[in-house]
Amino acid sequence: MDTAVAKDRLARPSVQPWAATLTEPRARIGLIIPSVNRMTEPQFNYYAPDGLGILVARGRVAGGPPRTVAELTGEIAHAAGTLADAKPDLIVFHCTHTSMKEGADGEARIIELIRRETGIEALSTSSLVNDALRALGLKKLVVLSPYTSNADIISYLSSAGFTVVRDVALKCQSPADFEAVTPRRWLELAQQNDTPDADGIFLSCTNTTQIEAVAAIEAALGKPVVNSNQAVLWGCLKRLKGKLGDETALPRNLGKLMNDLDA
């Protein structure tokens, strides 16, 4: 053997290729997200506690020409099927607007479709936002979103028993525009549009930086804040806390909602 090569090998640290560097998740969630969404995946991987695996499937369920839930059936079923192959504990249809736009009936049809196709417990962004708002005791909301209109969001929330006292839709024209709104700007919008009769803020959308502003908005306004991604992570952790174990550290800087998984 060449002397120089031998010396180089001796100088290198011993690496065992079979040594495990990643721990096996104790629980896994599967997210069906719009194909244009670039924010959900990195945010969930950042905020998810150790032991929770994040699986993602994309579908053309938002961001294009409007389609009904019935027209999206094949797209949703295919995405759910690919997630089921990886055997997550839960599957979430994770798009706020699409899960809310046909009200509770549309939400129920999406959830039942996923359950029927996969045999796995299914949830939606809309159902978990609803749960989160109720857990915090919120009734009167300021709604902030990047959408061109919040009409479908307000209709869903109103039917669920909530009152929207201030409605702010930024009328962003593309997914890239959604992403470009900074956490500082969401904080400013919350401060500018808060009203005395509002008891909380709902930041609607999964493809934004909103989740990064939750703690700052709560600190500034002294009111609870719910965001689509935060609510879904919270709802999944509530259901999986038995598998994750008591030693699992809850995500930090995600507001009052994340303080109690028993709420």
C-alpha atoms as a PDB file:
ATOM      1  CA  MET A   1       0.000   0.000   0.000  1.00  0.00           C
ATOM      2  CA  ASP A   2       1.237   3.498  -0.792  1.00  0.00           C
ATOM      3  CA  THR A   3       2.643   5.086   2.395  1.00  0.00           C
ATOM      4  CA  ALA A   4       0.828   8.397   1.879  1.00  0.00           C
ATOM      5  CA  VAL A   5      -2.514   6.650   1.391  1.00  0.00           C
ATOM      6  CA  ALA A   6      -1.981   4.552   4.493  1.00  0.00           C
ATOM      7  CA  LYS A   7      -1.186   7.609   6.608  1.00  0.00           C
ATOM      8  CA  ASP A   8      -4.305   9.392   5.267  1.00  0.00           C
ATOM      9  CA  ARG A   9      -6.554   6.498   6.235  1.00  0.00           C
ATOM     10  CA  LEU A  10      -5.073   6.347   9.698  1.00  0.00           C
ATOM     11  CA  ALA A  11      -5.662  10.081  10.161  1.00  0.00           C
ATOM     12  CA  ARG A  12      -9.380   9.862   9.361  1.00  0.00           C
ATOM     13  CA  PRO A  13     -11.884   9.237  12.164  1.00  0.00           C
ATOM     14  CA  SER A  14     -13.334   5.771  12.154  1.00  0.00           C
ATOM     15  CA  VAL A  15     -16.838   5.837  10.688  1.00  0.00           C
ATOM     16  CA  GLN A  16     -19.099   2.835  10.903  1.00  0.00           C
ATOM     17  CA  PRO A  17     -21.516   3.044   7.969  1.00  0.00           C
ATOM     18  CA  TRP A  18     -24.090   0.968   9.859  1.00  0.00           C
ATOM     19  CA  ALA A  19     -24.139   3.273  12.889  1.00  0.00           C
ATOM     20  CA  ALA A  20     -27.579   4.917  13.220  1.00  0.00           C
ATOM     21  CA  THR A  21     -27.604   8.707  12.977  1.00  0.00           C
ATOM     22  CA  LEU A  22     -31.389   9.209  12.871  1.00  0.00           C
ATOM     23  CA  THR A  23     -33.826   7.973  15.474  1.00  0.00           C
ATOM     24  CA  GLU A  24     -37.026   6.201  14.501  1.00  0.00           C
ATOM     25  CA  PRO A  25     -40.099   8.475  14.895  1.00  0.00           C
ATOM     26  CA  ARG A  26     -42.483   7.406  17.628  1.00  0.00           C
ATOM     27  CA  ALA A  27     -45.408   8.769  15.598  1.00  0.00           C
ATOM     28  CA  ARG A  28     -45.942  10.076  12.071  1.00  0.00           C
ATOM     29  CA  ILE A  29     -48.394  12.480  10.476  1.00  0.00           C
ATOM     30  CA  GLY A  30     -49.162  12.713   6.777  1.00  0.00           C
ATOM     31  CA  LEU A  31     -50.055  16.069   5.247  1.00  0.00           C
ATOM     32  CA  ILE A  32     -51.815  16.557   1.915  1.00  0.00           C
ATOM     33  CA  ILE A  33     -50.764  20.047   0.845  1.00  0.00           C
ATOM     34  CA  PRO A  34     -51.335  22.115  -2.297  1.00  0.00           C
ATOM     35  CA  SER A  35     -48.674  21.523  -4.923  1.00  0.00           C
ATOM     36  CA  VAL A  36     -47.787  25.244  -4.873  1.00  0.00           C
ATOM     37  CA  ASN A  37     -47.169  25.278  -1.101  1.00  0.00           C
ATOM     38  CA  ARG A  38     -43.503  25.804  -0.175  1.00  0.00           C
ATOM     39  CA  MET A  39     -43.892  26.891   3.467  1.00  0.00           C
ATOM     40  CA  THR A  40     -45.711  24.093   5.301  1.00  0.00           C
ATOM     41  CA  GLU A  41     -43.055  21.406   4.950  1.00  0.00           C
ATOM     42  CA  PRO A  42     -40.082  23.389   6.312  1.00  0.00           C
ATOM     43  CA  GLN A  43     -42.210  24.914   9.088  1.00  0.00           C
ATOM     44  CA  PHE A  44     -43.517  21.544  10.304  1.00  0.00           C
ATOM     45  CA  ASN A  45     -40.054  20.031  10.227  1.00  0.00           C
ATOM     46  CA  TYR A  46     -38.734  23.008  12.202  1.00  0.00           C
ATOM     47  CA  TYR A  47     -41.445  23.149  14.877  1.00  0.00           C
ATOM     48  CA  ALA A  48     -42.289  19.448  15.237  1.00  0.00           C
ATOM     49  CA  PRO A  49     -40.903  17.931  18.438  1.00  0.00           C
ATOM     50  CA  ASP A  50     -38.371  15.114  18.401  1.00  0.00           C
ATOM     51  CA  GLY A  51     -40.112  11.829  17.777  1.00  0.00           C
ATOM     52  CA  LEU A  52     -42.734  13.168  15.369  1.00  0.00           C
ATOM     53  CA  GLY A  53     -42.174  12.280  11.726  1.00  0.00           C
ATOM     54  CA  ILE A  54     -43.601  14.540   9.004  1.00  0.00           C
ATOM     55  CA  LEU A  55     -44.707  12.991   5.715  1.00  0.00           C
ATOM     56  CA  VAL A  56     -45.974  15.148   2.842  1.00  0.00           C
ATOM     57  CA  ALA A  57     -47.883  14.493  -0.380  1.00  0.00           C
ATOM     58  CA  ARG A  58     -48.758  17.221  -2.849  1.00  0.00           C
ATOM     59  CA  GLY A  59     -51.899  17.618  -4.895  1.00  0.00           C
ATOM     60  CA  ARG A  60     -53.306  20.266  -7.209  1.00  0.00           C
ATOM     61  CA  VAL A  61     -55.992  21.173  -4.686  1.00  0.00           C
ATOM     62  CA  ALA A  62     -55.479  24.975  -4.644  1.00  0.00           C
ATOM     63  CA  GLY A  63     -53.679  27.719  -6.519  1.00  0.00           C
ATOM     64  CA  GLY A  64     -55.243  27.079  -9.935  1.00  0.00           C
ATOM     65  CA  PRO A  65     -58.665  27.525 -11.537  1.00  0.00           C
ATOM     66  CA  PRO A  66     -61.340  27.032  -8.867  1.00  0.00           C
ATOM     67  CA  ARG A  67     -62.657  23.464  -8.558  1.00  0.00           C
ATOM     68  CA  THR A  68     -65.316  21.991  -6.305  1.00  0.00           C
ATOM     69  CA  VAL A  69     -64.580  19.359  -3.686  1.00  0.00           C
ATOM     70  CA  ALA A  70     -66.298  16.832  -5.961  1.00  0.00           C
ATOM     71  CA  GLU A  71     -63.943  17.777  -8.797  1.00  0.00           C
ATOM     72  CA  LEU A  72     -60.944  17.346  -6.480  1.00  0.00           C
ATOM     73  CA  THR A  73     -61.929  13.828  -5.374  1.00  0.00           C
ATOM     74  CA  GLY A  74     -59.430  12.002  -7.590  1.00  0.00           C
ATOM     75  CA  GLU A  75     -56.591  14.347  -6.662  1.00  0.00           C
ATOM     76  CA  ILE A  76     -57.248  14.005  -2.938  1.00  0.00           C
ATOM     77  CA  ALA A  77     -57.670  10.227  -3.117  1.00  0.00           C
ATOM     78  CA  HIS A  78     -54.394   9.784  -4.992  1.00  0.00           C
ATOM     79  CA  ALA A  79     -52.430  11.932  -2.538  1.00  0.00           C
ATOM     80  CA  ALA A  80     -53.999  10.123   0.414  1.00  0.00           C
ATOM     81  CA  GLY A  81     -53.106   6.767  -1.096  1.00  0.00           C
ATOM     82  CA  THR A  82     -49.448   7.675  -1.526  1.00  0.00           C
ATOM     83  CA  LEU A  83     -49.294   8.819   2.102  1.00  0.00           C
ATOM     84  CA  ALA A  84     -50.984   5.641   3.295  1.00  0.00           C
ATOM     85  CA  ASP A  85     -48.161   3.624   1.742  1.00  0.00           C
ATOM     86  CA  ALA A  86     -45.843   5.159   4.378  1.00  0.00           C
ATOM     87  CA  LYS A  87     -48.278   4.254   7.201  1.00  0.00           C
ATOM     88  CA  PRO A  88     -48.735   7.544   9.087  1.00  0.00           C
ATOM     89  CA  ASP A  89     -50.825   7.580  12.246  1.00  0.00           C
ATOM     90  CA  LEU A  90     -52.941  10.485  10.961  1.00  0.00           C
ATOM     91  CA  ILE A  91     -53.601  12.070   7.575  1.00  0.00           C
ATOM     92  CA  VAL A  92     -54.525  15.764   7.392  1.00  0.00           C
ATOM     93  CA  PHE A  93     -55.970  17.464   4.338  1.00  0.00           C
ATOM     94  CA  HIS A  94     -53.971  20.621   4.852  1.00  0.00           C
ATOM     95  CA  CYS A  95     -55.376  23.559   2.915  1.00  0.00           C
ATOM     96  CA  THR A  96     -57.429  26.106   4.825  1.00  0.00           C
ATOM     97  CA  HIS A  97     -59.440  27.598   1.974  1.00  0.00           C
ATOM     98  CA  THR A  98     -60.242  24.345   0.170  1.00  0.00           C
ATOM     99  CA  SER A  99     -61.310  22.628   3.385  1.00  0.00           C
ATOM    100  CA  MET A 100     -63.540  25.574   4.346  1.00  0.00           C
ATOM    101  CA  LYS A 101     -64.967  26.733   1.030  1.00  0.00           C
ATOM    102  CA  GLU A 102     -67.926  24.325   0.949  1.00  0.00           C
ATOM    103  CA  GLY A 103     -68.644  24.586   4.658  1.00  0.00           C
ATOM    104  CA  ALA A 104     -68.981  21.738   7.135  1.00  0.00           C
ATOM    105  CA  ASP A 105     -70.435  19.469   4.453  1.00  0.00           C
ATOM    106  CA  GLY A 106     -67.439  19.902   2.152  1.00  0.00           C
ATOM    107  CA  GLU A 107     -65.084  19.407   5.090  1.00  0.00           C
ATOM    108  CA  ALA A 108     -66.859  16.173   6.080  1.00  0.00           C
ATOM    109  CA  ARG A 109     -66.731  14.820   2.506  1.00  0.00           C
ATOM    110  CA  ILE A 110     -62.968  15.419   2.317  1.00  0.00           C
ATOM    111  CA  ILE A 111     -62.336  13.701   5.652  1.00  0.00           C
ATOM    112  CA  GLU A 112     -64.577  10.741   4.825  1.00  0.00           C
ATOM    113  CA  LEU A 113     -62.919  10.326   1.406  1.00  0.00           C
ATOM    114  CA  ILE A 114     -59.477  10.056   3.008  1.00  0.00           C
ATOM    115  CA  ARG A 115     -60.696   7.634   5.681  1.00  0.00           C
ATOM    116  CA  ARG A 116     -62.428   5.469   3.095  1.00  0.00           C
ATOM    117  CA  GLU A 117     -59.424   5.386   0.783  1.00  0.00           C
ATOM    118  CA  THR A 118     -56.822   4.687   3.464  1.00  0.00           C
ATOM    119  CA  GLY A 119     -58.420   3.305   6.620  1.00  0.00           C
ATOM    120  CA  ILE A 120     -56.389   5.901   8.556  1.00  0.00           C
ATOM    121  CA  GLU A 121     -57.801   8.563  10.879  1.00  0.00           C
ATOM    122  CA  ALA A 122     -58.287  11.732   8.831  1.00  0.00           C
ATOM    123  CA  LEU A 123     -58.550  15.401   9.726  1.00  0.00           C
ATOM    124  CA  SER A 124     -58.579  18.735   7.921  1.00  0.00           C
ATOM    125  CA  THR A 125     -57.161  22.180   8.493  1.00  0.00           C
ATOM    126  CA  SER A 126     -60.669  23.541   8.912  1.00  0.00           C
ATOM    127  CA  SER A 127     -61.660  21.012  11.588  1.00  0.00           C
ATOM    128  CA  LEU A 128     -58.464  21.619  13.574  1.00  0.00           C
ATOM    129  CA  VAL A 129     -58.743  25.418  13.330  1.00  0.00           C
ATOM    130  CA  ASN A 130     -62.304  25.062  14.629  1.00  0.00           C
ATOM    131  CA  ASP A 131     -61.022  22.913  17.521  1.00  0.00           C
ATOM    132  CA  ALA A 132     -58.223  25.376  18.305  1.00  0.00           C
ATOM    133  CA  LEU A 133     -60.515  28.409  18.395  1.00  0.00           C
ATOM    134  CA  ARG A 134     -62.882  26.590  20.747  1.00  0.00           C
ATOM    135  CA  ALA A 135     -60.054  25.358  22.979  1.00  0.00           C
ATOM    136  CA  LEU A 136     -59.006  28.981  23.490  1.00  0.00           C
ATOM    137  CA  GLY A 137     -62.570  30.100  24.131  1.00  0.00           C
ATOM    138  CA  LEU A 138     -62.565  32.511  21.191  1.00  0.00           C
ATOM    139  CA  LYS A 139     -65.815  33.816  19.733  1.00  0.00           C
ATOM    140  CA  LYS A 140     -65.096  37.163  18.054  1.00  0.00           C
ATOM    141  CA  LEU A 141     -62.246  37.188  15.574  1.00  0.00           C
ATOM    142  CA  VAL A 142     -60.048  39.387  13.466  1.00  0.00           C
ATOM    143  CA  VAL A 143     -59.260  37.374  10.334  1.00  0.00           C
ATOM    144  CA  LEU A 144     -56.042  38.129   8.429  1.00  0.00           C
ATOM    145  CA  SER A 145     -55.121  36.315   5.229  1.00  0.00           C
ATOM    146  CA  PRO A 146     -53.176  36.734   1.983  1.00  0.00           C
ATOM    147  CA  TYR A 147     -56.264  35.746  -0.066  1.00  0.00           C
ATOM    148  CA  THR A 148     -58.071  37.873  -2.621  1.00  0.00           C
ATOM    149  CA  SER A 149     -61.209  37.440  -0.491  1.00  0.00           C
ATOM    150  CA  ASN A 150     -62.038  35.960   2.926  1.00  0.00           C
ATOM    151  CA  ALA A 151     -65.690  35.364   2.039  1.00  0.00           C
ATOM    152  CA  ASP A 152     -65.482  31.553   2.164  1.00  0.00           C
ATOM    153  CA  ILE A 153     -63.477  31.644   5.403  1.00  0.00           C
ATOM    154  CA  ILE A 154     -65.992  33.978   7.056  1.00  0.00           C
ATOM    155  CA  SER A 155     -68.927  31.858   5.875  1.00  0.00           C
ATOM    156  CA  TYR A 156     -67.369  28.721   7.391  1.00  0.00           C
ATOM    157  CA  LEU A 157     -66.511  30.432  10.661  1.00  0.00           C
ATOM    158  CA  SER A 158     -69.941  32.029  10.940  1.00  0.00           C
ATOM    159  CA  SER A 159     -71.661  28.681  10.408  1.00  0.00           C
ATOM    160  CA  ALA A 160     -69.448  27.230  13.144  1.00  0.00           C
ATOM    161  CA  GLY A 161     -70.633  29.899  15.582  1.00  0.00           C
ATOM    162  CA  PHE A 162     -67.824  32.456  15.382  1.00  0.00           C
ATOM    163  CA  THR A 163     -68.209  36.167  14.595  1.00  0.00           C
ATOM    164  CA  VAL A 164     -65.697  37.937  12.376  1.00  0.00           C
ATOM    165  CA  VAL A 165     -65.429  41.532  13.575  1.00  0.00           C
ATOM    166  CA  ARG A 166     -62.642  42.586  11.214  1.00  0.00           C
ATOM    167  CA  ASP A 167     -61.801  41.055   7.840  1.00  0.00           C
ATOM    168  CA  VAL A 168     -58.448  41.727   6.159  1.00  0.00           C
ATOM    169  CA  ALA A 169     -57.538  39.996   2.890  1.00  0.00           C
ATOM    170  CA  LEU A 170     -54.277  41.210   1.348  1.00  0.00           C
ATOM    171  CA  LYS A 171     -55.315  40.248  -2.205  1.00  0.00           C
ATOM    172  CA  CYS A 172     -51.982  38.585  -2.980  1.00  0.00           C
ATOM    173  CA  GLN A 173     -51.943  37.364  -6.561  1.00  0.00           C
ATOM    174  CA  SER A 174     -49.612  34.348  -6.418  1.00  0.00           C
ATOM    175  CA  PRO A 175     -48.242  31.774  -3.964  1.00  0.00           C
ATOM    176  CA  ALA A 176     -44.912  33.598  -4.093  1.00  0.00           C
ATOM    177  CA  ASP A 177     -46.715  36.756  -2.962  1.00  0.00           C
ATOM    178  CA  PHE A 178     -48.208  34.814  -0.048  1.00  0.00           C
ATOM    179  CA  GLU A 179     -44.714  33.778   1.037  1.00  0.00           C
ATOM    180  CA  ALA A 180     -43.262  37.274   0.667  1.00  0.00           C
ATOM    181  CA  VAL A 181     -45.350  38.772   3.493  1.00  0.00           C
ATOM    182  CA  THR A 182     -42.931  38.842   6.423  1.00  0.00           C
ATOM    183  CA  PRO A 183     -43.663  37.920  10.052  1.00  0.00           C
ATOM    184  CA  ARG A 184     -43.095  41.567  10.959  1.00  0.00           C
ATOM    185  CA  ARG A 185     -45.778  42.598   8.456  1.00  0.00           C
ATOM    186  CA  TRP A 186     -48.277  40.106   9.936  1.00  0.00           C
ATOM    187  CA  LEU A 187     -47.547  41.599  13.356  1.00  0.00           C
ATOM    188  CA  GLU A 188     -48.156  45.118  12.023  1.00  0.00           C
ATOM    189  CA  LEU A 189     -51.409  44.049  10.382  1.00  0.00           C
ATOM    190  CA  ALA A 190     -52.629  42.485  13.613  1.00  0.00           C
ATOM    191  CA  GLN A 191     -51.792  45.640  15.569  1.00  0.00           C
ATOM    192  CA  GLN A 192     -53.443  47.891  12.984  1.00  0.00           C
ATOM    193  CA  ASN A 193     -56.647  45.860  12.753  1.00  0.00           C
ATOM    194  CA  ASP A 194     -57.221  44.687  16.312  1.00  0.00           C
ATOM    195  CA  THR A 195     -60.438  45.961  17.857  1.00  0.00           C
ATOM    196  CA  PRO A 196     -61.623  46.033  21.507  1.00  0.00           C
ATOM    197  CA  ASP A 197     -64.481  43.634  20.767  1.00  0.00           C
ATOM    198  CA  ALA A 198     -62.216  40.980  19.205  1.00  0.00           C
ATOM    199  CA  ASP A 199     -61.072  38.303  21.644  1.00  0.00           C
ATOM    200  CA  GLY A 200     -58.579  36.683  19.270  1.00  0.00           C
ATOM    201  CA  ILE A 201     -56.820  36.694  15.908  1.00  0.00           C
ATOM    202  CA  PHE A 202     -57.085  34.043  13.193  1.00  0.00           C
ATOM    203  CA  LEU A 203     -54.223  33.999  10.674  1.00  0.00           C
ATOM    204  CA  SER A 204     -55.629  31.993   7.792  1.00  0.00           C
ATOM    205  CA  CYS A 205     -53.391  30.156   5.308  1.00  0.00           C
ATOM    206  CA  THR A 206     -50.848  27.337   5.271  1.00  0.00           C
ATOM    207  CA  ASN A 207     -48.420  28.891   2.765  1.00  0.00           C
ATOM    208  CA  THR A 208     -47.237  31.960   4.690  1.00  0.00           C
ATOM    209  CA  THR A 209     -44.803  33.081   7.387  1.00  0.00           C
ATOM    210  CA  GLN A 210     -47.732  33.671   9.792  1.00  0.00           C
ATOM    211  CA  ILE A 211     -46.709  30.924  12.229  1.00  0.00           C
ATOM    212  CA  GLU A 212     -43.472  32.835  12.909  1.00  0.00           C
ATOM    213  CA  ALA A 213     -45.501  35.851  14.079  1.00  0.00           C
ATOM    214  CA  VAL A 214     -47.866  34.082  16.486  1.00  0.00           C
ATOM    215  CA  ALA A 215     -45.885  34.658  19.691  1.00  0.00           C
ATOM    216  CA  ALA A 216     -45.075  38.279  18.818  1.00  0.00           C
ATOM    217  CA  ILE A 217     -48.729  39.100  18.080  1.00  0.00           C
ATOM    218  CA  GLU A 218     -49.884  37.542  21.338  1.00  0.00           C
ATOM    219  CA  ALA A 219     -47.246  39.508  23.255  1.00  0.00           C
ATOM    220  CA  ALA A 220     -48.242  42.772  21.542  1.00  0.00           C
ATOM    221  CA  LEU A 221     -52.024  42.414  21.823  1.00  0.00           C
ATOM    222  CA  GLY A 222     -52.477  40.232  24.897  1.00  0.00           C
ATOM    223  CA  LYS A 223     -54.902  38.054  22.923  1.00  0.00           C
ATOM    224  CA  PRO A 224     -54.672  34.454  21.683  1.00  0.00           C
ATOM    225  CA  VAL A 225     -53.678  33.817  18.082  1.00  0.00           C
ATOM    226  CA  VAL A 226     -54.521  30.826  15.898  1.00  0.00           C
ATOM    227  CA  ASN A 227     -52.751  30.092  12.618  1.00  0.00           C
ATOM    228  CA  SER A 228     -53.542  27.257  10.207  1.00  0.00           C
ATOM    229  CA  ASN A 229     -50.180  25.464  10.529  1.00  0.00           C
ATOM    230  CA  GLN A 230     -49.996  25.994  14.299  1.00  0.00           C
ATOM    231  CA  ALA A 231     -53.535  24.618  14.777  1.00  0.00           C
ATOM    232  CA  VAL A 232     -52.831  21.509  12.722  1.00  0.00           C
ATOM    233  CA  LEU A 233     -49.583  20.745  14.532  1.00  0.00           C
ATOM    234  CA  TRP A 234     -51.385  21.250  17.879  1.00  0.00           C
ATOM    235  CA  GLY A 235     -54.282  19.016  16.875  1.00  0.00           C
ATOM    236  CA  CYS A 236     -51.964  16.235  15.738  1.00  0.00           C
ATOM    237  CA  LEU A 237     -49.869  16.419  18.917  1.00  0.00           C
ATOM    238  CA  LYS A 238     -53.045  16.181  21.030  1.00  0.00           C
ATOM    239  CA  ARG A 239     -54.046  12.961  19.297  1.00  0.00           C
ATOM    240  CA  LEU A 240     -50.571  11.435  19.310  1.00  0.00           C
ATOM    241  CA  LYS A 241     -49.373  12.367  22.789  1.00  0.00           C
ATOM    242  CA  GLY A 242     -49.797   8.781  23.933  1.00  0.00           C
ATOM    243  CA  LYS A 243     -47.417   7.504  21.269  1.00  0.00           C
ATOM    244  CA  LEU A 244     -45.001  10.404  21.656  1.00  0.00           C
ATOM    245  CA  GLY A 245     -44.768  10.045  25.434  1.00  0.00           C
ATOM    246  CA  ASP A 246     -44.728  12.481  28.323  1.00  0.00           C
ATOM    247  CA  GLU A 247     -41.071  13.325  27.744  1.00  0.00           C
ATOM    248  CA  THR A 248     -41.846  15.020  24.428  1.00  0.00           C
ATOM    249  CA  ALA A 249     -41.023  18.733  24.578  1.00  0.00           C
ATOM    250  CA  LEU A 250     -43.793  20.935  23.199  1.00  0.00           C
ATOM    251  CA  PRO A 251     -42.878  23.378  20.412  1.00  0.00           C
ATOM    252  CA  ARG A 252     -41.817  26.794  21.648  1.00  0.00           C
ATOM    253  CA  ASN A 253     -42.872  30.254  20.430  1.00  0.00           C
ATOM    254  CA  LEU A 254     -46.214  29.034  19.084  1.00  0.00           C
ATOM    255  CA  GLY A 255     -48.470  30.894  21.464  1.00  0.00           C
ATOM    256  CA  LYS A 256     -50.964  30.031  24.167  1.00  0.00           C
ATOM    257  CA  LEU A 257     -52.590  27.260  22.127  1.00  0.00           C
ATOM    258  CA  MET A 258     -49.544  24.999  22.367  1.00  0.00           C
ATOM    259  CA  ASN A 259     -49.285  25.287  26.149  1.00  0.00           C
ATOM    260  CA  ASP A 260     -51.891  22.638  26.883  1.00  0.00           C
ATOM    261  CA  LEU A 261     -52.544  19.544  24.772  1.00  0.00           C
ATOM    262  CA  ASP A 262     -55.438  18.627  27.060  1.00  0.00           C
ATOM    263  CA  ALA A 263     -57.456  21.719  26.130  1.00  0.00           C
END
